[in-house]
Amino acid sequence: MADTLTGAGYLVTTSLAAGLTAGASETITLIGVTIANVHATDACWVTAHINRTGAGVDTELCHELSIPVNDSLDLLQGKVVLNSSDAIEFQAEANSKLEATLSYLVQT
C-alpha cells in the first residue's frame, strides 16, 4: 500500500460540488480543511458535506457557517476518512468569496 501526503486548493461556489473525491481504489484521510474568506467587504457562509457513496450516512462538517471578512475557518478538530468514491463537498453563499485548502493522505 502506497501513502502520499498532498494538498489541494478549491474555489468554493454556490453549487454544492465535490472539492475532493476518493478514487475507486483509494482511501483518503483528511488532515486539514481550511476555508478562507478572501472578499474585502462581505462575510460569507459555507457548508461542508461528506458524501458517503458506500456504507455510512452522509454528514455535514458545518452548515451555513458564516466566515467574517478576511478571516478563515479550520473545519477539522481531528481526521476524516473518505473511503472509495466518498467525497467532501462545499457550497458558499456567494461566488468568488471563499477558497478551501485541503491537506490529506492518499492510500492506494
C-alpha atoms as a PDB file:
ATOM      1  CA  MET A   1       0.000   0.000   0.000  1.00  0.00           C
ATOM      2  CA  ALA A   2       1.452   3.367  -1.080  1.00  0.00           C
ATOM      3  CA  ASP A   3       0.973   6.508   1.027  1.00  0.00           C
ATOM      4  CA  THR A   4       1.145  10.005  -0.492  1.00  0.00           C
ATOM      5  CA  LEU A   5       0.821  13.181   1.586  1.00  0.00           C
ATOM      6  CA  THR A   6      -0.539  16.005  -0.544  1.00  0.00           C
ATOM      7  CA  GLY A   7      -2.686  19.115  -0.678  1.00  0.00           C
ATOM      8  CA  ALA A   8      -5.053  20.958  -2.976  1.00  0.00           C
ATOM      9  CA  GLY A   9      -6.881  24.246  -3.334  1.00  0.00           C
ATOM     10  CA  TYR A  10     -10.520  24.628  -4.270  1.00  0.00           C
ATOM     11  CA  LEU A  11     -12.692  27.632  -5.142  1.00  0.00           C
ATOM     12  CA  VAL A  12     -16.000  27.294  -3.291  1.00  0.00           C
ATOM     13  CA  THR A  13     -19.081  28.284  -5.332  1.00  0.00           C
ATOM     14  CA  THR A  14     -22.833  28.489  -4.770  1.00  0.00           C
ATOM     15  CA  SER A  15     -23.291  24.964  -6.155  1.00  0.00           C
ATOM     16  CA  LEU A  16     -22.775  22.035  -3.777  1.00  0.00           C
ATOM     17  CA  ALA A  17     -19.840  20.336  -5.512  1.00  0.00           C
ATOM     18  CA  ALA A  18     -17.023  17.926  -4.684  1.00  0.00           C
ATOM     19  CA  GLY A  19     -13.762  19.528  -3.641  1.00  0.00           C
ATOM     20  CA  LEU A  20     -12.072  16.133  -3.303  1.00  0.00           C
ATOM     21  CA  THR A  21     -13.217  12.597  -4.152  1.00  0.00           C
ATOM     22  CA  ALA A  22     -11.513   9.330  -3.222  1.00  0.00           C
ATOM     23  CA  GLY A  23     -10.752   7.173  -6.261  1.00  0.00           C
ATOM     24  CA  ALA A  24     -12.058   3.646  -6.707  1.00  0.00           C
ATOM     25  CA  SER A  25      -9.004   2.047  -5.073  1.00  0.00           C
ATOM     26  CA  GLU A  26      -8.121   4.879  -2.656  1.00  0.00           C
ATOM     27  CA  THR A  27      -8.646   5.769   0.960  1.00  0.00           C
ATOM     28  CA  ILE A  28      -8.122   9.451   1.762  1.00  0.00           C
ATOM     29  CA  THR A  29      -7.509  10.765   5.258  1.00  0.00           C
ATOM     30  CA  LEU A  30      -8.301  14.465   5.536  1.00  0.00           C
ATOM     31  CA  ILE A  31      -5.881  16.054   7.990  1.00  0.00           C
ATOM     32  CA  GLY A  32      -6.658  19.706   7.341  1.00  0.00           C
ATOM     33  CA  VAL A  33      -9.532  21.654   5.797  1.00  0.00           C
ATOM     34  CA  THR A  34      -9.327  25.448   5.959  1.00  0.00           C
ATOM     35  CA  ILE A  35     -11.849  27.802   4.361  1.00  0.00           C
ATOM     36  CA  ALA A  36     -10.744  31.407   3.805  1.00  0.00           C
ATOM     37  CA  ASN A  37     -12.976  34.378   3.071  1.00  0.00           C
ATOM     38  CA  VAL A  38     -10.899  36.370   0.577  1.00  0.00           C
ATOM     39  CA  HIS A  39     -13.542  39.036  -0.066  1.00  0.00           C
ATOM     40  CA  ALA A  40     -12.757  42.576   1.109  1.00  0.00           C
ATOM     41  CA  THR A  41     -16.205  43.664   2.305  1.00  0.00           C
ATOM     42  CA  ASP A  42     -18.664  40.768   2.834  1.00  0.00           C
ATOM     43  CA  ALA A  43     -18.961  37.872   5.250  1.00  0.00           C
ATOM     44  CA  CYS A  44     -19.993  34.615   3.574  1.00  0.00           C
ATOM     45  CA  TRP A  45     -21.333  31.305   4.845  1.00  0.00           C
ATOM     46  CA  VAL A  46     -20.030  27.863   3.916  1.00  0.00           C
ATOM     47  CA  THR A  47     -21.459  24.356   4.067  1.00  0.00           C
ATOM     48  CA  ALA A  48     -19.089  21.362   4.068  1.00  0.00           C
ATOM     49  CA  HIS A  49     -20.696  17.978   3.409  1.00  0.00           C
ATOM     50  CA  ILE A  50     -19.285  14.433   3.422  1.00  0.00           C
ATOM     51  CA  ASN A  51     -20.964  12.343   0.708  1.00  0.00           C
ATOM     52  CA  ARG A  52     -20.701   8.640   1.573  1.00  0.00           C
ATOM     53  CA  THR A  53     -21.298   6.547  -1.539  1.00  0.00           C
ATOM     54  CA  GLY A  54     -20.914   3.183   0.176  1.00  0.00           C
ATOM     55  CA  ALA A  55     -21.857   2.180   3.681  1.00  0.00           C
ATOM     56  CA  GLY A  56     -22.468   5.024   6.062  1.00  0.00           C
ATOM     57  CA  VAL A  57     -24.542   8.144   6.485  1.00  0.00           C
ATOM     58  CA  ASP A  58     -23.847  11.422   4.681  1.00  0.00           C
ATOM     59  CA  THR A  59     -22.796  14.047   7.213  1.00  0.00           C
ATOM     60  CA  GLU A  60     -22.044  17.749   7.390  1.00  0.00           C
ATOM     61  CA  LEU A  61     -18.909  19.208   8.930  1.00  0.00           C
ATOM     62  CA  CYS A  62     -20.671  22.585   9.044  1.00  0.00           C
ATOM     63  CA  HIS A  63     -23.916  24.041   7.716  1.00  0.00           C
ATOM     64  CA  GLU A  64     -24.138  27.662   6.565  1.00  0.00           C
ATOM     65  CA  LEU A  65     -21.419  28.752   8.972  1.00  0.00           C
ATOM     66  CA  SER A  66     -20.524  32.421   8.463  1.00  0.00           C
ATOM     67  CA  ILE A  67     -16.882  33.372   7.889  1.00  0.00           C
ATOM     68  CA  PRO A  68     -16.080  37.060   8.532  1.00  0.00           C
ATOM     69  CA  VAL A  69     -14.280  39.276   6.019  1.00  0.00           C
ATOM     70  CA  ASN A  70     -10.571  38.440   5.630  1.00  0.00           C
ATOM     71  CA  ASP A  71     -10.813  35.539   8.087  1.00  0.00           C
ATOM     72  CA  SER A  72     -10.562  31.769   7.873  1.00  0.00           C
ATOM     73  CA  LEU A  73     -12.099  28.692   9.457  1.00  0.00           C
ATOM     74  CA  ASP A  74     -10.314  25.421  10.287  1.00  0.00           C
ATOM     75  CA  LEU A  75     -13.041  22.798   9.888  1.00  0.00           C
ATOM     76  CA  LEU A  76     -11.325  19.739  11.340  1.00  0.00           C
ATOM     77  CA  GLN A  77     -10.693  19.028  15.009  1.00  0.00           C
ATOM     78  CA  GLY A  78      -9.410  15.568  14.108  1.00  0.00           C
ATOM     79  CA  LYS A  79      -9.255  13.500  10.932  1.00  0.00           C
ATOM     80  CA  VAL A  80     -11.970  12.440   8.467  1.00  0.00           C
ATOM     81  CA  VAL A  81     -11.615   9.341   6.284  1.00  0.00           C
ATOM     82  CA  LEU A  82     -13.000   9.201   2.748  1.00  0.00           C
ATOM     83  CA  ASN A  83     -13.393   5.635   1.530  1.00  0.00           C
ATOM     84  CA  SER A  84     -13.605   4.621  -2.128  1.00  0.00           C
ATOM     85  CA  SER A  85     -15.771   7.136  -4.080  1.00  0.00           C
ATOM     86  CA  ASP A  86     -16.625   9.212  -0.973  1.00  0.00           C
ATOM     87  CA  ALA A  87     -16.282  12.994  -1.387  1.00  0.00           C
ATOM     88  CA  ILE A  88     -16.055  16.200   0.593  1.00  0.00           C
ATOM     89  CA  GLU A  89     -18.366  18.776  -0.950  1.00  0.00           C
ATOM     90  CA  PHE A  90     -18.581  22.528  -0.416  1.00  0.00           C
ATOM     91  CA  GLN A  91     -21.152  25.245  -1.022  1.00  0.00           C
ATOM     92  CA  ALA A  92     -20.896  29.001  -0.440  1.00  0.00           C
ATOM     93  CA  GLU A  93     -23.451  31.750  -0.022  1.00  0.00           C
ATOM     94  CA  ALA A  94     -21.848  33.647  -2.936  1.00  0.00           C
ATOM     95  CA  ASN A  95     -19.266  33.027  -5.652  1.00  0.00           C
ATOM     96  CA  SER A  96     -15.726  34.469  -5.604  1.00  0.00           C
ATOM     97  CA  LYS A  97     -15.541  34.837  -1.821  1.00  0.00           C
ATOM     98  CA  LEU A  98     -14.342  31.528  -0.360  1.00  0.00           C
ATOM     99  CA  GLU A  99     -11.298  29.352  -1.016  1.00  0.00           C
ATOM    100  CA  ALA A 100     -10.657  25.941   0.551  1.00  0.00           C
ATOM    101  CA  THR A 101      -7.237  24.478   1.330  1.00  0.00           C
ATOM    102  CA  LEU A 102      -7.166  20.702   1.755  1.00  0.00           C
ATOM    103  CA  SER A 103      -4.310  18.655   3.254  1.00  0.00           C
ATOM    104  CA  TYR A 104      -4.652  14.898   3.052  1.00  0.00           C
ATOM    105  CA  LEU A 105      -3.050  11.460   2.909  1.00  0.00           C
ATOM    106  CA  VAL A 106      -3.892   9.190  -0.043  1.00  0.00           C
ATOM    107  CA  GLN A 107      -3.519   5.434   0.481  1.00  0.00           C
ATOM    108  CA  THR A 108      -3.669   3.150  -2.558  1.00  0.00           C
END
